[in-house]
């Protein structure tokens, strides 16, 4: 078979496309520019797998996302506190929860020092990921389209949290 200019250009174009898509297809949590900080509460991967359900592990440790409208916490309206399902650190007061219409539990403000944020460049976009400041578990993302007084929408995965009603 004789290689023509067309073969060469076609192969070069395919290679360039594959190289450009590789970062997008490399998997979840491709946070290229920012290393993850050390967290006070740590477990080995085997310990996390034993402690968490498969869905919790996928979200908290692999930065997955649950399907919208699947979490009972989306419809939780009682007074109480939302905590990290990985380490039980308190994250959000129910008084800051609101219905964002997105299908995920949403809050306009976390409890003080409860979460930290990292730039998330996965899936070809730039977002701000929200993690538990105690164990580093991935909770969701924060956006600047929320209600007053902060204007923020902490869009959280319900499977990454637990809820304790106020006594």
Protein backbone atom coordinates (compact mmCIF):
# COMPACT_ATOMS: atom_id res chain seq x y z
CA UNK A 1 0.00 0.00 0.00
CA UNK A 2 1.32 3.40 -0.96
CA UNK A 3 1.01 6.17 1.64
CA UNK A 4 -0.32 9.38 0.22
CA UNK A 5 -0.45 12.88 1.55
CA UNK A 6 -4.13 12.27 2.34
CA UNK A 7 -3.22 9.27 4.56
CA UNK A 8 -0.56 11.29 6.35
CA UNK A 9 -2.87 14.26 6.98
CA UNK A 10 -5.73 12.03 8.07
CA UNK A 11 -3.55 10.14 10.53
CA UNK A 12 -2.08 13.39 11.83
CA UNK A 13 -5.56 14.86 12.34
CA UNK A 14 -6.74 11.74 14.17
CA UNK A 15 -3.67 11.83 16.40
CA UNK A 16 -4.18 15.52 17.20
CA UNK A 17 -7.85 14.94 18.01
CA UNK A 18 -7.00 12.01 20.30
CA UNK A 19 -4.31 14.03 22.05
CA UNK A 20 -6.72 16.91 22.57
CA UNK A 21 -9.46 14.68 23.94
CA UNK A 22 -7.19 12.61 26.20
CA UNK A 23 -7.39 15.01 29.17
CA UNK A 24 -11.18 15.04 28.91
CA UNK A 25 -11.42 11.27 28.75
CA UNK A 26 -8.80 10.59 31.40
CA UNK A 27 -11.43 10.14 34.07
CA UNK A 28 -13.03 12.10 36.82
CA UNK A 29 -11.37 14.74 38.89
CA UNK A 30 -8.66 15.79 36.49
CA UNK A 31 -7.65 18.73 38.64
CA UNK A 32 -4.46 19.41 36.80
CA UNK A 33 -3.24 22.61 38.39
CA UNK A 34 -4.04 21.95 42.04
CA UNK A 35 -2.76 19.11 44.22
CA UNK A 36 -5.16 17.87 46.88
CA UNK A 37 -4.28 19.13 50.35
CA UNK A 38 -3.71 16.83 53.31
CA UNK A 39 -6.80 16.30 55.47
CA UNK A 40 -7.01 15.57 59.23
CA UNK A 41 -9.25 12.49 58.84
CA UNK A 42 -7.63 9.86 56.63
CA UNK A 43 -8.30 6.23 55.81
CA UNK A 44 -6.71 3.83 53.37
CA UNK A 45 -8.59 3.10 50.16
CA UNK A 46 -9.55 -0.32 51.55
CA UNK A 47 -10.91 1.29 54.72
CA UNK A 48 -12.96 3.80 52.68
CA UNK A 49 -14.38 0.97 50.57
CA UNK A 50 -15.36 -0.96 53.69
CA UNK A 51 -16.90 2.10 55.38
CA UNK A 52 -18.92 3.53 52.46
CA UNK A 53 -21.59 2.15 50.17
CA UNK A 54 -20.61 1.81 46.50
CA UNK A 55 -22.51 5.01 45.64
CA UNK A 56 -20.94 6.94 48.54
CA UNK A 57 -17.47 5.74 47.58
CA UNK A 58 -18.00 6.76 43.95
CA UNK A 59 -18.99 10.30 44.92
CA UNK A 60 -16.84 10.97 47.99
CA UNK A 61 -13.61 9.25 46.90
CA UNK A 62 -13.82 9.15 43.06
CA UNK A 63 -15.56 12.53 42.57
CA UNK A 64 -18.61 10.99 40.95
CA UNK A 65 -22.07 12.55 40.71
CA UNK A 66 -25.36 10.96 41.64
CA UNK A 67 -28.29 11.24 39.25
CA UNK A 68 -30.51 14.28 39.92
CA UNK A 69 -33.71 13.79 41.94
CA UNK A 70 -32.52 10.45 43.38
CA UNK A 71 -31.50 11.58 46.88
CA UNK A 72 -34.08 11.70 49.68
CA UNK A 73 -32.07 14.65 51.05
CA UNK A 74 -33.23 16.75 48.12
CA UNK A 75 -36.70 16.72 49.70
CA UNK A 76 -35.52 17.00 53.31
CA UNK A 77 -37.13 20.10 54.84
CA UNK A 78 -36.91 19.49 58.58
CA UNK A 79 -34.75 21.59 60.88
CA UNK A 80 -31.38 19.95 61.44
CA UNK A 81 -27.83 19.52 60.20
CA UNK A 82 -26.34 17.94 57.09
CA UNK A 83 -23.01 16.14 57.69
CA UNK A 84 -20.36 14.39 55.64
CA UNK A 85 -21.22 10.72 55.05
CA UNK A 86 -17.50 9.91 55.16
CA UNK A 87 -16.44 11.40 58.48
CA UNK A 88 -19.62 12.86 60.07
CA UNK A 89 -18.30 16.44 60.08
CA UNK A 90 -21.19 18.92 60.15
CA UNK A 91 -21.39 20.76 56.82
CA UNK A 92 -24.64 22.71 56.36
CA UNK A 93 -27.45 23.99 58.57
CA UNK A 94 -30.95 23.29 57.24
CA UNK A 95 -31.67 27.03 57.47
CA UNK A 96 -29.37 27.57 54.46
CA UNK A 97 -30.99 24.91 52.27
CA UNK A 98 -33.14 25.99 49.33
CA UNK A 99 -34.85 24.38 46.34
CA UNK A 100 -32.64 25.18 43.36
CA UNK A 101 -34.71 23.11 40.95
CA UNK A 102 -31.58 21.19 39.92
CA UNK A 103 -32.41 17.86 41.59
CA UNK A 104 -29.59 18.03 44.11
CA UNK A 105 -29.67 19.36 47.69
CA UNK A 106 -28.56 22.99 47.49
CA UNK A 107 -27.39 25.45 50.12
CA UNK A 108 -26.41 29.11 50.04
CA UNK A 109 -23.74 28.79 52.74
CA UNK A 110 -21.77 26.04 54.51
CA UNK A 111 -20.99 26.02 58.21
CA UNK A 112 -17.80 27.89 59.08
CA UNK A 113 -14.63 25.96 58.11
CA UNK A 114 -16.71 22.91 57.10
CA UNK A 115 -15.70 22.78 53.43
CA UNK A 116 -12.86 23.73 51.15
CA UNK A 117 -12.84 24.31 47.43
CA UNK A 118 -10.58 23.36 44.55
CA UNK A 119 -10.57 24.25 40.88
CA UNK A 120 -12.03 21.35 38.91
CA UNK A 121 -11.10 21.17 35.22
CA UNK A 122 -12.63 17.76 34.53
CA UNK A 123 -14.91 17.08 31.57
CA UNK A 124 -13.63 20.04 29.57
CA UNK A 125 -14.97 22.78 31.83
CA UNK A 126 -13.79 24.79 34.81
CA UNK A 127 -15.87 24.55 37.99
CA UNK A 128 -15.28 24.90 41.71
CA UNK A 129 -15.39 21.56 43.51
CA UNK A 130 -16.48 21.45 47.16
CA UNK A 131 -14.83 19.00 49.56
CA UNK A 132 -15.27 18.19 53.24
CA UNK A 133 -12.48 20.06 55.04
CA UNK A 134 -12.01 17.15 57.47
CA UNK A 135 -11.69 14.11 55.16
CA UNK A 136 -11.45 15.64 51.69
CA UNK A 137 -14.55 13.80 50.49
CA UNK A 138 -16.01 15.26 47.30
CA UNK A 139 -19.42 16.77 48.01
CA UNK A 140 -20.34 18.60 44.81
CA UNK A 141 -19.73 22.04 43.27
CA UNK A 142 -20.43 25.67 44.10
CA UNK A 143 -21.84 28.12 41.57
CA UNK A 144 -22.49 31.88 41.68
CA UNK A 145 -26.19 31.70 40.76
CA UNK A 146 -27.66 31.21 44.23
CA UNK A 147 -30.00 33.30 46.35
CA UNK A 148 -29.25 36.11 48.76
CA UNK A 149 -27.50 36.78 50.99
CA UNK A 150 -24.43 35.04 49.47
CA UNK A 151 -25.48 34.60 45.84
CA UNK A 152 -23.90 31.12 45.97
CA UNK A 153 -25.40 27.70 45.22
CA UNK A 154 -23.61 24.82 46.91
CA UNK A 155 -24.99 21.99 44.76
CA UNK A 156 -24.27 18.85 46.80
CA UNK A 157 -24.62 15.14 46.18
CA UNK A 158 -27.12 13.82 48.72
CA UNK A 159 -25.35 10.46 48.90
CA UNK A 160 -22.24 12.29 50.20
CA UNK A 161 -24.15 13.56 53.24
CA UNK A 162 -26.26 12.40 56.16
CA UNK A 163 -28.98 14.36 57.93
CA UNK A 164 -29.65 14.68 61.64
CA UNK A 165 -32.97 16.32 62.58
CA UNK A 166 -32.95 18.95 65.29
CA UNK A 167 -34.06 17.51 68.63
